[in-house]
Amino acid sequence: EIMSVDDESTSCYCLMDSHNCHLLLDQPGCYALVGEPITDAAIKRLRIAAFGSMEASSMDYSLRVHCVDDTPHAFQ
């Protein structure tokens, strides 16, 4: 299923299948992915880890964002 959202403040492209959701965004921001599970037992807790760096010779920034399981050992 493909969903596209275009309005004055946000441009978003979302590709969903039975196992994944891929988002393509024009700019960083606060976003929420909301839905209903097919069964009542479908629960998944995630944490977002974001890492950034800047090139010393230019104004280029690199930002990496990862979704990891919400477990004590996820960052190790």
N, C-alpha and C. Protein backbone atom coordinates (compact mmCIF):
# COMPACT_ATOMS: atom_id res chain seq x y z
N GLU A 1 0.85 -1.17 0.00
CA GLU A 1 0.00 0.00 0.00
C GLU A 1 0.90 1.23 0.00
N ILE A 2 0.58 2.20 -0.81
CA ILE A 2 1.36 3.43 -0.90
C ILE A 2 0.50 4.59 -0.43
N MET A 3 1.08 5.42 0.42
CA MET A 3 0.39 6.58 0.95
C MET A 3 1.26 7.80 0.69
N SER A 4 0.69 8.86 0.22
CA SER A 4 1.43 10.09 0.01
C SER A 4 0.67 11.22 0.68
N VAL A 5 1.39 12.05 1.44
CA VAL A 5 0.78 13.17 2.14
C VAL A 5 1.49 14.43 1.70
N ASP A 6 0.77 15.35 1.12
CA ASP A 6 1.32 16.64 0.72
C ASP A 6 0.39 17.73 1.21
N ASP A 7 0.90 18.58 2.05
CA ASP A 7 0.16 19.78 2.44
C ASP A 7 1.17 20.90 2.62
N GLU A 8 0.76 21.99 3.20
CA GLU A 8 1.64 23.16 3.31
C GLU A 8 2.85 22.92 4.19
N SER A 9 2.74 22.06 5.19
CA SER A 9 3.83 21.90 6.15
C SER A 9 4.66 20.63 5.98
N THR A 10 4.13 19.60 5.33
CA THR A 10 4.82 18.31 5.28
C THR A 10 4.65 17.65 3.92
N SER A 11 5.74 17.08 3.42
CA SER A 11 5.67 16.23 2.24
C SER A 11 6.24 14.88 2.65
N CYS A 12 5.44 13.83 2.49
CA CYS A 12 5.82 12.51 2.98
C CYS A 12 5.40 11.46 1.97
N TYR A 13 6.27 10.48 1.75
CA TYR A 13 5.96 9.31 0.93
C TYR A 13 6.15 8.09 1.81
N CYS A 14 5.16 7.23 1.86
CA CYS A 14 5.19 6.06 2.74
C CYS A 14 4.86 4.81 1.93
N LEU A 15 5.74 3.80 2.01
CA LEU A 15 5.51 2.52 1.36
C LEU A 15 5.40 1.46 2.44
N MET A 16 4.26 0.78 2.49
CA MET A 16 4.01 -0.23 3.52
C MET A 16 3.76 -1.58 2.88
N ASP A 17 4.32 -2.62 3.52
CA ASP A 17 3.97 -3.99 3.16
C ASP A 17 3.67 -4.74 4.46
N SER A 18 3.57 -6.04 4.42
CA SER A 18 3.16 -6.79 5.61
C SER A 18 4.22 -6.80 6.71
N HIS A 19 5.48 -6.45 6.41
CA HIS A 19 6.54 -6.51 7.42
C HIS A 19 7.26 -5.19 7.65
N ASN A 20 7.16 -4.23 6.73
CA ASN A 20 7.96 -3.01 6.81
C ASN A 20 7.15 -1.78 6.48
N CYS A 21 7.67 -0.67 6.94
CA CYS A 21 7.15 0.64 6.57
C CYS A 21 8.35 1.52 6.23
N HIS A 22 8.39 2.06 5.03
CA HIS A 22 9.49 2.91 4.59
C HIS A 22 8.95 4.33 4.40
N LEU A 23 9.63 5.30 5.02
CA LEU A 23 9.21 6.70 4.92
C LEU A 23 10.27 7.50 4.19
N LEU A 24 9.86 8.37 3.29
CA LEU A 24 10.74 9.30 2.61
C LEU A 24 10.21 10.69 2.92
N LEU A 25 11.04 11.49 3.59
CA LEU A 25 10.62 12.82 4.06
C LEU A 25 11.51 13.89 3.47
N ASP A 26 10.94 15.07 3.25
CA ASP A 26 11.71 16.20 2.72
C ASP A 26 12.67 16.79 3.74
N GLN A 27 12.30 16.73 5.01
CA GLN A 27 13.12 17.35 6.04
C GLN A 27 12.92 16.64 7.37
N PRO A 28 13.91 16.75 8.27
CA PRO A 28 13.74 16.16 9.61
C PRO A 28 12.60 16.83 10.36
N GLY A 29 12.02 16.13 11.28
CA GLY A 29 10.93 16.69 12.06
C GLY A 29 10.38 15.66 13.01
N CYS A 30 9.24 15.95 13.61
CA CYS A 30 8.55 15.02 14.50
C CYS A 30 7.42 14.36 13.71
N TYR A 31 7.46 13.05 13.64
CA TYR A 31 6.47 12.30 12.88
C TYR A 31 5.96 11.14 13.74
N ALA A 32 4.75 10.71 13.48
CA ALA A 32 4.18 9.56 14.18
C ALA A 32 3.61 8.60 13.15
N LEU A 33 3.90 7.33 13.32
CA LEU A 33 3.33 6.27 12.51
C LEU A 33 2.30 5.56 13.38
N VAL A 34 1.04 5.68 13.02
CA VAL A 34 -0.05 5.20 13.86
C VAL A 34 -0.91 4.22 13.07
N GLY A 35 -1.34 3.17 13.74
CA GLY A 35 -2.20 2.20 13.08
C GLY A 35 -2.79 1.22 14.07
N GLU A 36 -3.46 0.23 13.56
CA GLU A 36 -4.06 -0.80 14.39
C GLU A 36 -3.45 -2.15 14.04
N PRO A 37 -3.17 -2.99 15.05
CA PRO A 37 -2.67 -4.34 14.77
C PRO A 37 -3.78 -5.22 14.20
N ILE A 38 -3.37 -6.21 13.42
CA ILE A 38 -4.34 -7.15 12.87
C ILE A 38 -4.91 -8.02 13.99
N THR A 39 -4.07 -8.40 14.96
CA THR A 39 -4.53 -9.16 16.13
C THR A 39 -4.27 -8.33 17.38
N ASP A 40 -4.93 -8.66 18.45
CA ASP A 40 -4.76 -7.92 19.71
C ASP A 40 -3.38 -8.13 20.32
N ALA A 41 -2.69 -9.20 19.96
CA ALA A 41 -1.40 -9.52 20.56
C ALA A 41 -0.22 -8.81 19.88
N ALA A 42 -0.46 -8.05 18.84
CA ALA A 42 0.63 -7.42 18.08
C ALA A 42 1.08 -6.14 18.77
N ILE A 43 2.20 -6.22 19.51
CA ILE A 43 2.76 -5.07 20.21
C ILE A 43 4.25 -5.04 19.97
N LYS A 44 4.79 -3.88 19.67
CA LYS A 44 6.23 -3.74 19.45
C LYS A 44 6.66 -2.39 20.02
N ARG A 45 7.60 -2.43 20.96
CA ARG A 45 8.14 -1.19 21.53
C ARG A 45 9.52 -0.94 20.92
N LEU A 46 9.74 0.28 20.45
CA LEU A 46 11.00 0.65 19.83
C LEU A 46 11.55 1.91 20.47
N ARG A 47 12.84 2.09 20.33
CA ARG A 47 13.50 3.35 20.69
C ARG A 47 14.17 3.90 19.46
N ILE A 48 14.27 5.20 19.38
CA ILE A 48 14.94 5.86 18.26
C ILE A 48 16.32 6.31 18.73
N ALA A 49 17.34 5.95 17.96
CA ALA A 49 18.71 6.41 18.23
C ALA A 49 19.15 7.28 17.06
N ALA A 50 19.53 8.51 17.33
CA ALA A 50 19.96 9.43 16.27
C ALA A 50 21.39 9.86 16.53
N PHE A 51 22.20 9.83 15.47
CA PHE A 51 23.60 10.23 15.55
C PHE A 51 23.87 11.23 14.44
N GLY A 52 24.63 12.28 14.75
CA GLY A 52 24.92 13.28 13.74
C GLY A 52 26.37 13.71 13.76
N SER A 53 26.83 14.21 12.63
CA SER A 53 28.19 14.75 12.53
C SER A 53 28.19 15.84 11.47
N MET A 54 29.22 16.70 11.55
CA MET A 54 29.35 17.78 10.59
C MET A 54 30.73 17.71 9.96
N GLU A 55 30.79 17.90 8.64
CA GLU A 55 32.06 17.95 7.93
C GLU A 55 32.81 19.21 8.36
N ALA A 56 34.08 19.08 8.71
CA ALA A 56 34.86 20.23 9.18
C ALA A 56 35.11 21.25 8.08
N SER A 57 35.22 20.81 6.84
CA SER A 57 35.57 21.72 5.76
C SER A 57 34.36 22.36 5.09
N SER A 58 33.15 21.96 5.45
CA SER A 58 31.96 22.52 4.81
C SER A 58 30.82 22.56 5.82
N MET A 59 29.67 22.96 5.36
CA MET A 59 28.49 23.03 6.22
C MET A 59 27.59 21.80 6.00
N ASP A 60 28.18 20.68 5.58
CA ASP A 60 27.41 19.46 5.36
C ASP A 60 27.22 18.71 6.67
N TYR A 61 26.00 18.30 6.91
CA TYR A 61 25.67 17.52 8.09
C TYR A 61 25.28 16.10 7.68
N SER A 62 25.61 15.15 8.50
CA SER A 62 25.20 13.77 8.29
C SER A 62 24.38 13.34 9.50
N LEU A 63 23.19 12.82 9.28
CA LEU A 63 22.31 12.39 10.36
C LEU A 63 21.89 10.95 10.09
N ARG A 64 22.13 10.07 11.08
CA ARG A 64 21.71 8.68 11.01
C ARG A 64 20.68 8.43 12.09
N VAL A 65 19.55 7.87 11.73
CA VAL A 65 18.47 7.57 12.68
C VAL A 65 18.18 6.08 12.60
N HIS A 66 18.18 5.42 13.76
CA HIS A 66 17.94 3.97 13.84
C HIS A 66 16.78 3.71 14.79
N CYS A 67 15.93 2.77 14.43
CA CYS A 67 14.91 2.26 15.34
C CYS A 67 15.44 0.95 15.90
N VAL A 68 15.51 0.86 17.23
CA VAL A 68 16.04 -0.35 17.87
C VAL A 68 15.00 -0.87 18.87
N ASP A 69 15.11 -2.16 19.17
CA ASP A 69 14.21 -2.76 20.15
C ASP A 69 14.36 -2.07 21.50
N ASP A 70 13.28 -1.99 22.23
CA ASP A 70 13.28 -1.38 23.56
C ASP A 70 13.67 -2.45 24.58
N THR A 71 14.95 -2.83 24.56
CA THR A 71 15.50 -3.80 25.51
C THR A 71 16.75 -3.22 26.14
N PRO A 72 17.17 -3.70 27.31
CA PRO A 72 18.36 -3.16 27.95
C PRO A 72 19.64 -3.33 27.14
N HIS A 73 19.70 -4.34 26.27
CA HIS A 73 20.93 -4.64 25.54
C HIS A 73 20.90 -4.18 24.09
N ALA A 74 19.93 -3.39 23.69
CA ALA A 74 19.79 -3.01 22.28
C ALA A 74 20.95 -2.16 21.78
N PHE A 75 21.54 -1.33 22.63
CA PHE A 75 22.63 -0.46 22.21
C PHE A 75 24.00 -1.10 22.35
N GLN A 76 24.07 -2.28 22.88
CA GLN A 76 25.37 -2.91 23.10
C GLN A 76 25.80 -3.75 21.92
